[in-house]
Amino acid sequence: MYGRESETVLIFLTRRTLDVTLAADLAAETFALAFASWPRLQGRTDEEVRAWLFTVARRQVGRYFRRARAEQRAVRRLGIQVPVVHEDDVDLIERRAGLNALRAEVSARLADLNSEQREALRLRVEEARPYGEVASALGISEQAARARVSRGLRTLRSVLEAPPTREELCT
């Protein structure tokens, strides 16, 4: 399973995080969970195992973004050395994941958002403010703040979830 899916999972995670080192860490966590769950997966088809594996990878991304700030502070406080991906590997993975084109597309989609959605996303995602604070800063209800963030994220998700083209995977 690892030999068959590792590169695809790494590219999948790289396209969602836009960070090769982070994607490599999340891929390692994804496969660690897969190996721990291996007895439950035996007897499943390759397609079922692959679908399950990508569900685990998607959940790893979500968990990371929810925990990222607290974990980064703890790593710095404890002085833990995080494994480093070699620069040549970073360049190769970024090319294979099509990150330059993806970053440009995300920037273009952000620019296409109306200013209210863009500001709501900035406050909620970049500054990690709770919805109540986002609403206060924008002078709107919390429900309206949630709606603006949701619409903005839905627009960006269409870019980030698009699978890489065959050319991107083969270059």
C-alpha atoms as a PDB file:
ATOM      1  CA  MET A   1       0.000   0.000   0.000  1.00  0.00           C
ATOM      2  CA  TYR A   2       2.771   2.442   0.927  1.00  0.00           C
ATOM      3  CA  GLY A   3       4.674   1.827  -2.297  1.00  0.00           C
ATOM      4  CA  ARG A   4       1.520   2.242  -4.340  1.00  0.00           C
ATOM      5  CA  GLU A   5       0.059   5.316  -2.614  1.00  0.00           C
ATOM      6  CA  SER A   6       2.826   7.257  -0.831  1.00  0.00           C
ATOM      7  CA  GLU A   7       3.658   9.680  -3.643  1.00  0.00           C
ATOM      8  CA  THR A   8       0.003  10.376  -4.425  1.00  0.00           C
ATOM      9  CA  VAL A   9      -0.781  10.998  -0.741  1.00  0.00           C
ATOM     10  CA  LEU A  10       2.230  13.301  -0.422  1.00  0.00           C
ATOM     11  CA  ILE A  11       1.154  15.322  -3.472  1.00  0.00           C
ATOM     12  CA  PHE A  12      -2.450  15.394  -2.207  1.00  0.00           C
ATOM     13  CA  LEU A  13      -1.297  16.793   1.144  1.00  0.00           C
ATOM     14  CA  THR A  14       1.175  19.215  -0.444  1.00  0.00           C
ATOM     15  CA  ARG A  15      -1.600  20.710  -2.570  1.00  0.00           C
ATOM     16  CA  ARG A  16      -3.754  21.237   0.519  1.00  0.00           C
ATOM     17  CA  THR A  17      -1.094  22.691   2.812  1.00  0.00           C
ATOM     18  CA  LEU A  18       1.110  24.430   0.217  1.00  0.00           C
ATOM     19  CA  ASP A  19       4.054  23.308   2.376  1.00  0.00           C
ATOM     20  CA  VAL A  20       6.202  20.316   1.433  1.00  0.00           C
ATOM     21  CA  THR A  21       7.707  19.770   4.881  1.00  0.00           C
ATOM     22  CA  LEU A  22       4.308  19.871   6.544  1.00  0.00           C
ATOM     23  CA  ALA A  23       2.871  17.578   3.888  1.00  0.00           C
ATOM     24  CA  ALA A  24       5.675  15.063   4.484  1.00  0.00           C
ATOM     25  CA  ASP A  25       4.920  15.081   8.215  1.00  0.00           C
ATOM     26  CA  LEU A  26       1.189  14.623   7.598  1.00  0.00           C
ATOM     27  CA  ALA A  27       1.876  11.829   5.118  1.00  0.00           C
ATOM     28  CA  ALA A  28       3.986  10.050   7.739  1.00  0.00           C
ATOM     29  CA  GLU A  29       1.158  10.406  10.273  1.00  0.00           C
ATOM     30  CA  THR A  30      -1.357   9.179   7.694  1.00  0.00           C
ATOM     31  CA  PHE A  31       0.633   6.025   6.976  1.00  0.00           C
ATOM     32  CA  ALA A  32       1.336   5.442  10.673  1.00  0.00           C
ATOM     33  CA  LEU A  33      -2.418   5.391  11.255  1.00  0.00           C
ATOM     34  CA  ALA A  34      -2.880   3.166   8.210  1.00  0.00           C
ATOM     35  CA  PHE A  35      -0.353   0.634   9.470  1.00  0.00           C
ATOM     36  CA  ALA A  36      -1.877   0.664  12.961  1.00  0.00           C
ATOM     37  CA  SER A  37      -5.275  -0.046  11.387  1.00  0.00           C
ATOM     38  CA  TRP A  38      -4.006  -2.621   8.922  1.00  0.00           C
ATOM     39  CA  PRO A  39      -5.794  -5.620  10.496  1.00  0.00           C
ATOM     40  CA  ARG A  40      -9.163  -3.895   9.979  1.00  0.00           C
ATOM     41  CA  LEU A  41      -8.315  -3.156   6.339  1.00  0.00           C
ATOM     42  CA  GLN A  42      -7.349  -6.654   5.295  1.00  0.00           C
ATOM     43  CA  GLY A  43      -9.803  -8.184   2.886  1.00  0.00           C
ATOM     44  CA  ARG A  44     -10.832  -4.781   1.515  1.00  0.00           C
ATOM     45  CA  THR A  45     -10.383  -3.910  -2.142  1.00  0.00           C
ATOM     46  CA  ASP A  46      -7.548  -1.617  -3.222  1.00  0.00           C
ATOM     47  CA  GLU A  47     -10.124   1.078  -4.020  1.00  0.00           C
ATOM     48  CA  GLU A  48     -11.668   0.845  -0.534  1.00  0.00           C
ATOM     49  CA  VAL A  49      -8.257   1.021   1.126  1.00  0.00           C
ATOM     50  CA  ARG A  50      -7.292   3.989  -1.068  1.00  0.00           C
ATOM     51  CA  ALA A  51     -10.531   5.839  -0.255  1.00  0.00           C
ATOM     52  CA  TRP A  52      -9.991   5.180   3.449  1.00  0.00           C
ATOM     53  CA  LEU A  53      -6.355   6.323   3.202  1.00  0.00           C
ATOM     54  CA  PHE A  54      -7.328   9.630   1.577  1.00  0.00           C
ATOM     55  CA  THR A  55     -10.035  10.158   4.179  1.00  0.00           C
ATOM     56  CA  VAL A  56      -7.359   9.751   6.856  1.00  0.00           C
ATOM     57  CA  ALA A  57      -5.093  12.190   4.985  1.00  0.00           C
ATOM     58  CA  ARG A  58      -7.903  14.757   4.679  1.00  0.00           C
ATOM     59  CA  ARG A  59      -8.617  14.454   8.400  1.00  0.00           C
ATOM     60  CA  GLN A  60      -4.917  14.872   9.182  1.00  0.00           C
ATOM     61  CA  VAL A  61      -4.963  18.222   7.369  1.00  0.00           C
ATOM     62  CA  GLY A  62      -8.029  19.343   9.304  1.00  0.00           C
ATOM     63  CA  ARG A  63      -6.537  18.305  12.622  1.00  0.00           C
ATOM     64  CA  TYR A  64      -3.289  20.015  11.797  1.00  0.00           C
ATOM     65  CA  PHE A  65      -4.895  23.345  11.084  1.00  0.00           C
ATOM     66  CA  ARG A  66      -6.937  23.111  14.275  1.00  0.00           C
ATOM     67  CA  ARG A  67      -3.921  22.250  16.432  1.00  0.00           C
ATOM     68  CA  ALA A  68      -1.158  24.048  14.555  1.00  0.00           C
ATOM     69  CA  ARG A  69      -0.730  27.090  16.719  1.00  0.00           C
ATOM     70  CA  ALA A  70      -0.661  25.259  20.041  1.00  0.00           C
ATOM     71  CA  GLU A  71       1.677  22.577  18.696  1.00  0.00           C
ATOM     72  CA  GLN A  72       4.093  25.072  17.190  1.00  0.00           C
ATOM     73  CA  ARG A  73       4.352  26.866  20.517  1.00  0.00           C
ATOM     74  CA  ALA A  74       4.940  23.567  22.333  1.00  0.00           C
ATOM     75  CA  VAL A  75       7.639  22.468  19.856  1.00  0.00           C
ATOM     76  CA  ARG A  76       9.478  25.760  20.326  1.00  0.00           C
ATOM     77  CA  ARG A  77       9.060  25.659  24.105  1.00  0.00           C
ATOM     78  CA  LEU A  78      10.336  22.076  24.368  1.00  0.00           C
ATOM     79  CA  GLY A  79      13.127  22.586  21.839  1.00  0.00           C
ATOM     80  CA  ILE A  80      12.068  19.601  19.722  1.00  0.00           C
ATOM     81  CA  GLN A  81      13.936  19.172  16.454  1.00  0.00           C
ATOM     82  CA  VAL A  82      11.502  18.674  13.580  1.00  0.00           C
ATOM     83  CA  PRO A  83      12.825  16.503  10.714  1.00  0.00           C
ATOM     84  CA  VAL A  84      14.026  18.601   7.805  1.00  0.00           C
ATOM     85  CA  VAL A  85      13.245  17.748   4.203  1.00  0.00           C
ATOM     86  CA  HIS A  86      16.261  18.261   1.921  1.00  0.00           C
ATOM     87  CA  GLU A  87      15.984  21.340  -0.343  1.00  0.00           C
ATOM     88  CA  ASP A  88      16.207  19.224  -3.520  1.00  0.00           C
ATOM     89  CA  ASP A  89      13.285  17.113  -2.278  1.00  0.00           C
ATOM     90  CA  VAL A  90      11.255  20.238  -1.514  1.00  0.00           C
ATOM     91  CA  ASP A  91      11.796  21.568  -5.038  1.00  0.00           C
ATOM     92  CA  LEU A  92      10.880  18.244  -6.629  1.00  0.00           C
ATOM     93  CA  ILE A  93       7.725  17.797  -4.553  1.00  0.00           C
ATOM     94  CA  GLU A  94       6.647  21.405  -5.161  1.00  0.00           C
ATOM     95  CA  ARG A  95       7.039  20.882  -8.918  1.00  0.00           C
ATOM     96  CA  ARG A  96       5.227  17.526  -8.835  1.00  0.00           C
ATOM     97  CA  ALA A  97       2.366  19.025  -6.802  1.00  0.00           C
ATOM     98  CA  GLY A  98       2.152  22.024  -9.144  1.00  0.00           C
ATOM     99  CA  LEU A  99       2.437  24.477  -6.239  1.00  0.00           C
ATOM    100  CA  ASN A 100       3.441  27.511  -8.302  1.00  0.00           C
ATOM    101  CA  ALA A 101       0.310  27.250 -10.428  1.00  0.00           C
ATOM    102  CA  LEU A 102      -1.792  26.386  -7.384  1.00  0.00           C
ATOM    103  CA  ARG A 103      -0.528  29.386  -5.411  1.00  0.00           C
ATOM    104  CA  ALA A 104      -1.307  31.645  -8.367  1.00  0.00           C
ATOM    105  CA  GLU A 105      -4.802  30.173  -8.657  1.00  0.00           C
ATOM    106  CA  VAL A 106      -5.481  30.601  -4.922  1.00  0.00           C
ATOM    107  CA  SER A 107      -4.273  34.216  -5.109  1.00  0.00           C
ATOM    108  CA  ALA A 108      -6.524  34.854  -8.104  1.00  0.00           C
ATOM    109  CA  ARG A 109      -9.526  33.295  -6.344  1.00  0.00           C
ATOM    110  CA  LEU A 110      -8.820  35.369  -3.224  1.00  0.00           C
ATOM    111  CA  ALA A 111      -8.707  38.492  -5.367  1.00  0.00           C
ATOM    112  CA  ASP A 112     -12.038  37.495  -6.937  1.00  0.00           C
ATOM    113  CA  LEU A 113     -13.747  37.307  -3.536  1.00  0.00           C
ATOM    114  CA  ASN A 114     -15.655  40.365  -2.486  1.00  0.00           C
ATOM    115  CA  SER A 115     -13.906  42.477   0.133  1.00  0.00           C
ATOM    116  CA  GLU A 116     -16.288  41.332   2.900  1.00  0.00           C
ATOM    117  CA  GLN A 117     -15.515  37.648   2.327  1.00  0.00           C
ATOM    118  CA  ARG A 118     -11.794  38.322   1.968  1.00  0.00           C
ATOM    119  CA  GLU A 119     -11.692  40.247   5.262  1.00  0.00           C
ATOM    120  CA  ALA A 120     -13.783  37.616   7.060  1.00  0.00           C
ATOM    121  CA  LEU A 121     -11.386  34.898   5.850  1.00  0.00           C
ATOM    122  CA  ARG A 122      -8.360  36.930   6.888  1.00  0.00           C
ATOM    123  CA  LEU A 123      -9.708  37.409  10.400  1.00  0.00           C
ATOM    124  CA  ARG A 124     -10.905  33.828  10.837  1.00  0.00           C
ATOM    125  CA  VAL A 125      -8.180  31.845   9.053  1.00  0.00           C
ATOM    126  CA  GLU A 126      -5.049  33.990   9.115  1.00  0.00           C
ATOM    127  CA  GLU A 127      -5.589  35.524  12.546  1.00  0.00           C
ATOM    128  CA  ALA A 128      -7.499  32.478  13.927  1.00  0.00           C
ATOM    129  CA  ARG A 129     -10.092  34.667  15.604  1.00  0.00           C
ATOM    130  CA  PRO A 130     -13.308  33.115  16.923  1.00  0.00           C
ATOM    131  CA  TYR A 131     -16.450  33.886  14.920  1.00  0.00           C
ATOM    132  CA  GLY A 132     -17.700  36.253  17.625  1.00  0.00           C
ATOM    133  CA  GLU A 133     -14.601  38.430  17.233  1.00  0.00           C
ATOM    134  CA  VAL A 134     -14.822  38.266  13.433  1.00  0.00           C
ATOM    135  CA  ALA A 135     -18.431  39.446  13.640  1.00  0.00           C
ATOM    136  CA  SER A 136     -17.508  42.257  16.032  1.00  0.00           C
ATOM    137  CA  ALA A 137     -14.631  43.460  13.874  1.00  0.00           C
ATOM    138  CA  LEU A 138     -16.848  43.491  10.795  1.00  0.00           C
ATOM    139  CA  GLY A 139     -19.875  44.965  12.545  1.00  0.00           C
ATOM    140  CA  ILE A 140     -22.142  42.063  11.570  1.00  0.00           C
ATOM    141  CA  SER A 141     -23.881  39.174  13.296  1.00  0.00           C
ATOM    142  CA  GLU A 142     -21.969  35.992  14.086  1.00  0.00           C
ATOM    143  CA  GLN A 143     -24.235  34.120  11.661  1.00  0.00           C
ATOM    144  CA  ALA A 144     -23.310  36.542   8.868  1.00  0.00           C
ATOM    145  CA  ALA A 145     -19.610  36.176   9.716  1.00  0.00           C
ATOM    146  CA  ARG A 146     -19.914  32.379   9.513  1.00  0.00           C
ATOM    147  CA  ALA A 147     -21.672  32.684   6.151  1.00  0.00           C
ATOM    148  CA  ARG A 148     -18.971  34.970   4.711  1.00  0.00           C
ATOM    149  CA  VAL A 149     -16.180  32.677   5.863  1.00  0.00           C
ATOM    150  CA  SER A 150     -18.027  29.612   4.588  1.00  0.00           C
ATOM    151  CA  ARG A 151     -18.631  31.120   1.137  1.00  0.00           C
ATOM    152  CA  GLY A 152     -15.018  32.222   0.869  1.00  0.00           C
ATOM    153  CA  LEU A 153     -13.685  28.829   1.917  1.00  0.00           C
ATOM    154  CA  ARG A 154     -16.032  27.065  -0.485  1.00  0.00           C
ATOM    155  CA  THR A 155     -14.594  29.152  -3.332  1.00  0.00           C
ATOM    156  CA  LEU A 156     -11.020  28.344  -2.328  1.00  0.00           C
ATOM    157  CA  ARG A 157     -11.790  24.673  -1.693  1.00  0.00           C
ATOM    158  CA  SER A 158     -12.694  24.190  -5.348  1.00  0.00           C
ATOM    159  CA  VAL A 159      -9.126  25.188  -6.239  1.00  0.00           C
ATOM    160  CA  LEU A 160      -7.383  23.229  -3.486  1.00  0.00           C
ATOM    161  CA  GLU A 161      -9.364  20.031  -3.959  1.00  0.00           C
ATOM    162  CA  ALA A 162      -8.916  19.877  -7.718  1.00  0.00           C
ATOM    163  CA  PRO A 163      -6.711  16.878  -8.401  1.00  0.00           C
ATOM    164  CA  PRO A 164      -3.367  17.589 -10.026  1.00  0.00           C
ATOM    165  CA  THR A 165      -3.294  17.036 -13.767  1.00  0.00           C
ATOM    166  CA  ARG A 166      -1.340  14.155 -15.258  1.00  0.00           C
ATOM    167  CA  GLU A 167       1.228  16.692 -16.519  1.00  0.00           C
ATOM    168  CA  GLU A 168       1.721  18.026 -12.995  1.00  0.00           C
ATOM    169  CA  LEU A 169       2.256  14.492 -11.674  1.00  0.00           C
ATOM    170  CA  CYS A 170       4.717  13.581 -14.443  1.00  0.00           C
ATOM    171  CA  THR A 171       6.924  16.677 -14.480  1.00  0.00           C
END
